[in-house]
Amino acid sequence: MLQVNIHEAKTNLSRLIQKAIDEGEPFIIAKSGKPMVTVSPFSITPDPEGRVGFLKGMMEIPDDFDSMGKEEIQTMFEA
């Protein structure tokens, strides 16, 4: 696993992060040669069933949705 000192990490952080993402390998940031933290790529595992439309068919939007409560809201602002 790659180990870099803090100064090198600050200087090359974008490059190090991109390398970790591309290669999928974490790297260690050290201070005076002593390992301090591990930086690893974050991966999101896609939901096999998908998230878009997961509530489809479970609720209904009324036809007058855009005007629901219009009079009440208007009264609150005009009072």
N, C-alpha and C. Protein backbone atom coordinates (compact mmCIF):
# COMPACT_ATOMS: atom_id res chain seq x y z
N MET A 1 0.86 -1.17 0.00
CA MET A 1 0.00 0.00 0.00
C MET A 1 0.90 1.24 0.00
N LEU A 2 0.53 2.21 -0.82
CA LEU A 2 1.29 3.45 -0.95
C LEU A 2 1.22 4.24 0.36
N GLN A 3 2.38 4.77 0.78
CA GLN A 3 2.42 5.62 1.97
C GLN A 3 3.11 6.93 1.59
N VAL A 4 2.47 8.05 1.92
CA VAL A 4 3.03 9.36 1.62
C VAL A 4 3.03 10.20 2.89
N ASN A 5 4.01 11.09 3.00
CA ASN A 5 4.03 12.01 4.13
C ASN A 5 3.05 13.14 3.90
N ILE A 6 2.69 13.82 4.96
CA ILE A 6 1.66 14.87 4.92
C ILE A 6 2.00 15.92 3.86
N HIS A 7 3.23 16.38 3.82
CA HIS A 7 3.60 17.41 2.85
C HIS A 7 3.34 16.95 1.42
N GLU A 8 3.76 15.74 1.10
CA GLU A 8 3.53 15.20 -0.24
C GLU A 8 2.03 15.04 -0.51
N ALA A 9 1.28 14.61 0.52
CA ALA A 9 -0.16 14.43 0.37
C ALA A 9 -0.84 15.77 0.07
N LYS A 10 -0.43 16.83 0.78
CA LYS A 10 -1.02 18.15 0.54
C LYS A 10 -0.68 18.64 -0.87
N THR A 11 0.53 18.40 -1.29
CA THR A 11 0.98 18.86 -2.59
C THR A 11 0.29 18.12 -3.73
N ASN A 12 0.04 16.83 -3.55
CA ASN A 12 -0.47 15.98 -4.63
C ASN A 12 -1.81 15.33 -4.31
N LEU A 13 -2.61 15.96 -3.46
CA LEU A 13 -3.84 15.31 -3.00
C LEU A 13 -4.78 14.92 -4.14
N SER A 14 -5.01 15.81 -5.08
CA SER A 14 -5.91 15.49 -6.19
C SER A 14 -5.42 14.28 -6.97
N ARG A 15 -4.14 14.25 -7.26
CA ARG A 15 -3.55 13.13 -8.01
C ARG A 15 -3.65 11.84 -7.21
N LEU A 16 -3.36 11.90 -5.92
CA LEU A 16 -3.43 10.71 -5.07
C LEU A 16 -4.86 10.16 -4.98
N ILE A 17 -5.82 11.06 -4.84
CA ILE A 17 -7.22 10.63 -4.77
C ILE A 17 -7.65 10.00 -6.08
N GLN A 18 -7.29 10.64 -7.20
CA GLN A 18 -7.67 10.08 -8.50
C GLN A 18 -7.04 8.71 -8.70
N LYS A 19 -5.81 8.55 -8.28
CA LYS A 19 -5.13 7.25 -8.39
C LYS A 19 -5.86 6.20 -7.55
N ALA A 20 -6.26 6.59 -6.34
CA ALA A 20 -6.98 5.65 -5.47
C ALA A 20 -8.31 5.25 -6.10
N ILE A 21 -8.99 6.20 -6.73
CA ILE A 21 -10.27 5.89 -7.38
C ILE A 21 -10.04 4.97 -8.58
N ASP A 22 -9.08 5.34 -9.42
CA ASP A 22 -8.82 4.57 -10.64
C ASP A 22 -8.35 3.14 -10.35
N GLU A 23 -7.46 3.01 -9.37
CA GLU A 23 -6.88 1.70 -9.07
C GLU A 23 -7.62 0.96 -7.97
N GLY A 24 -8.50 1.66 -7.25
CA GLY A 24 -9.26 1.04 -6.18
C GLY A 24 -8.44 0.70 -4.96
N GLU A 25 -7.24 1.28 -4.86
CA GLU A 25 -6.34 0.99 -3.75
C GLU A 25 -6.26 2.17 -2.79
N PRO A 26 -6.41 1.93 -1.49
CA PRO A 26 -6.25 3.01 -0.52
C PRO A 26 -4.78 3.41 -0.40
N PHE A 27 -4.54 4.56 0.22
CA PHE A 27 -3.17 4.97 0.53
C PHE A 27 -3.11 5.51 1.94
N ILE A 28 -1.91 5.54 2.49
CA ILE A 28 -1.70 5.95 3.87
C ILE A 28 -1.02 7.32 3.87
N ILE A 29 -1.52 8.20 4.74
CA ILE A 29 -0.85 9.48 4.97
C ILE A 29 -0.11 9.35 6.30
N ALA A 30 1.19 9.66 6.26
CA ALA A 30 2.04 9.49 7.44
C ALA A 30 2.61 10.84 7.87
N LYS A 31 3.01 10.88 9.12
CA LYS A 31 3.70 12.06 9.66
C LYS A 31 5.04 11.58 10.18
N SER A 32 6.09 12.09 9.60
CA SER A 32 7.46 11.67 9.94
C SER A 32 7.62 10.16 9.80
N GLY A 33 7.00 9.60 8.79
CA GLY A 33 7.12 8.17 8.52
C GLY A 33 6.18 7.30 9.34
N LYS A 34 5.44 7.91 10.28
CA LYS A 34 4.52 7.14 11.12
C LYS A 34 3.10 7.22 10.51
N PRO A 35 2.51 6.09 10.15
CA PRO A 35 1.17 6.10 9.54
C PRO A 35 0.15 6.76 10.46
N MET A 36 -0.64 7.69 9.86
CA MET A 36 -1.65 8.42 10.63
C MET A 36 -3.08 8.07 10.19
N VAL A 37 -3.33 8.09 8.88
CA VAL A 37 -4.67 7.80 8.36
C VAL A 37 -4.57 7.01 7.06
N THR A 38 -5.66 6.33 6.77
CA THR A 38 -5.77 5.63 5.50
C THR A 38 -6.87 6.32 4.69
N VAL A 39 -6.58 6.60 3.44
CA VAL A 39 -7.57 7.19 2.54
C VAL A 39 -7.96 6.11 1.55
N SER A 40 -9.24 5.80 1.50
CA SER A 40 -9.68 4.75 0.59
C SER A 40 -10.84 5.25 -0.25
N PRO A 41 -10.95 4.73 -1.47
CA PRO A 41 -12.04 5.16 -2.34
C PRO A 41 -13.39 4.73 -1.78
N PHE A 42 -14.35 5.60 -1.91
CA PHE A 42 -15.71 5.32 -1.46
C PHE A 42 -16.48 4.79 -2.64
N SER A 43 -17.12 3.67 -2.46
CA SER A 43 -17.90 3.14 -3.57
C SER A 43 -19.34 2.93 -3.13
N ILE A 44 -20.22 3.30 -4.03
CA ILE A 44 -21.65 3.10 -3.78
C ILE A 44 -22.09 1.92 -4.63
N THR A 45 -22.60 0.91 -3.97
CA THR A 45 -23.09 -0.25 -4.69
C THR A 45 -24.50 0.05 -5.17
N PRO A 46 -24.70 0.01 -6.47
CA PRO A 46 -26.04 0.33 -6.97
C PRO A 46 -27.07 -0.69 -6.50
N ASP A 47 -28.25 -0.19 -6.19
CA ASP A 47 -29.36 -1.04 -5.79
C ASP A 47 -29.80 -1.83 -7.01
N PRO A 48 -29.75 -3.15 -6.95
CA PRO A 48 -30.10 -3.94 -8.13
C PRO A 48 -31.52 -3.71 -8.63
N GLU A 49 -32.42 -3.35 -7.72
CA GLU A 49 -33.80 -3.10 -8.12
C GLU A 49 -34.01 -1.67 -8.58
N GLY A 50 -33.02 -0.82 -8.34
CA GLY A 50 -33.11 0.58 -8.74
C GLY A 50 -33.89 1.40 -7.74
N ARG A 51 -33.56 2.69 -7.65
CA ARG A 51 -34.25 3.56 -6.70
C ARG A 51 -35.27 4.45 -7.40
N VAL A 52 -35.06 4.74 -8.66
CA VAL A 52 -35.99 5.61 -9.36
C VAL A 52 -37.32 4.89 -9.53
N GLY A 53 -38.37 5.53 -9.08
CA GLY A 53 -39.69 4.96 -9.23
C GLY A 53 -40.02 3.86 -8.23
N PHE A 54 -39.28 3.78 -7.12
CA PHE A 54 -39.51 2.69 -6.17
C PHE A 54 -40.85 2.80 -5.44
N LEU A 55 -41.49 3.97 -5.48
CA LEU A 55 -42.81 4.13 -4.85
C LEU A 55 -43.95 4.07 -5.87
N LYS A 56 -43.63 3.77 -7.10
CA LYS A 56 -44.64 3.75 -8.16
C LYS A 56 -45.80 2.82 -7.78
N GLY A 57 -47.00 3.36 -7.89
CA GLY A 57 -48.19 2.59 -7.59
C GLY A 57 -48.55 2.57 -6.11
N MET A 58 -47.73 3.18 -5.26
CA MET A 58 -48.00 3.15 -3.82
C MET A 58 -48.71 4.40 -3.32
N MET A 59 -48.81 5.43 -4.18
CA MET A 59 -49.52 6.63 -3.78
C MET A 59 -50.07 7.32 -5.01
N GLU A 60 -51.02 8.20 -4.77
CA GLU A 60 -51.64 8.94 -5.86
C GLU A 60 -51.52 10.42 -5.59
N ILE A 61 -51.29 11.18 -6.64
CA ILE A 61 -51.24 12.64 -6.54
C ILE A 61 -52.54 13.17 -7.09
N PRO A 62 -53.27 13.95 -6.29
CA PRO A 62 -54.57 14.45 -6.74
C PRO A 62 -54.41 15.38 -7.95
N ASP A 63 -55.44 15.45 -8.77
CA ASP A 63 -55.41 16.29 -9.96
C ASP A 63 -55.26 17.77 -9.62
N ASP A 64 -55.79 18.18 -8.45
CA ASP A 64 -55.71 19.58 -8.07
C ASP A 64 -54.50 19.87 -7.17
N PHE A 65 -53.47 19.08 -7.27
CA PHE A 65 -52.29 19.20 -6.39
C PHE A 65 -51.71 20.61 -6.41
N ASP A 66 -51.59 21.20 -7.60
CA ASP A 66 -50.97 22.53 -7.72
C ASP A 66 -51.80 23.63 -7.07
N SER A 67 -53.08 23.40 -6.87
CA SER A 67 -53.91 24.45 -6.29
C SER A 67 -54.46 24.08 -4.91
N MET A 68 -54.01 22.97 -4.36
CA MET A 68 -54.49 22.54 -3.04
C MET A 68 -54.16 23.59 -1.98
N GLY A 69 -55.15 23.97 -1.21
CA GLY A 69 -54.95 24.92 -0.11
C GLY A 69 -54.71 26.35 -0.57
N LYS A 70 -54.98 26.63 -1.82
CA LYS A 70 -54.71 27.95 -2.38
C LYS A 70 -55.40 29.06 -1.59
N GLU A 71 -56.69 28.87 -1.31
CA GLU A 71 -57.44 29.90 -0.59
C GLU A 71 -56.89 30.10 0.82
N GLU A 72 -56.60 29.02 1.49
CA GLU A 72 -56.07 29.10 2.86
C GLU A 72 -54.72 29.81 2.88
N ILE A 73 -53.86 29.47 1.96
CA ILE A 73 -52.54 30.11 1.89
C ILE A 73 -52.69 31.59 1.57
N GLN A 74 -53.54 31.91 0.63
CA GLN A 74 -53.77 33.29 0.25
C GLN A 74 -54.28 34.09 1.44
N THR A 75 -55.19 33.51 2.23
CA THR A 75 -55.73 34.18 3.41
C THR A 75 -54.63 34.44 4.42
N MET A 76 -53.72 33.48 4.62
CA MET A 76 -52.63 33.65 5.59
C MET A 76 -51.70 34.79 5.18
N PHE A 77 -51.46 34.97 3.91
CA PHE A 77 -50.54 36.02 3.46
C PHE A 77 -51.20 37.39 3.35
N GLU A 78 -52.50 37.41 3.16
CA GLU A 78 -53.19 38.68 3.00
C GLU A 78 -53.75 39.21 4.31
N ALA A 79 -53.77 38.43 5.35
CA ALA A 79 -54.39 38.83 6.61
C ALA A 79 -53.60 39.89 7.34
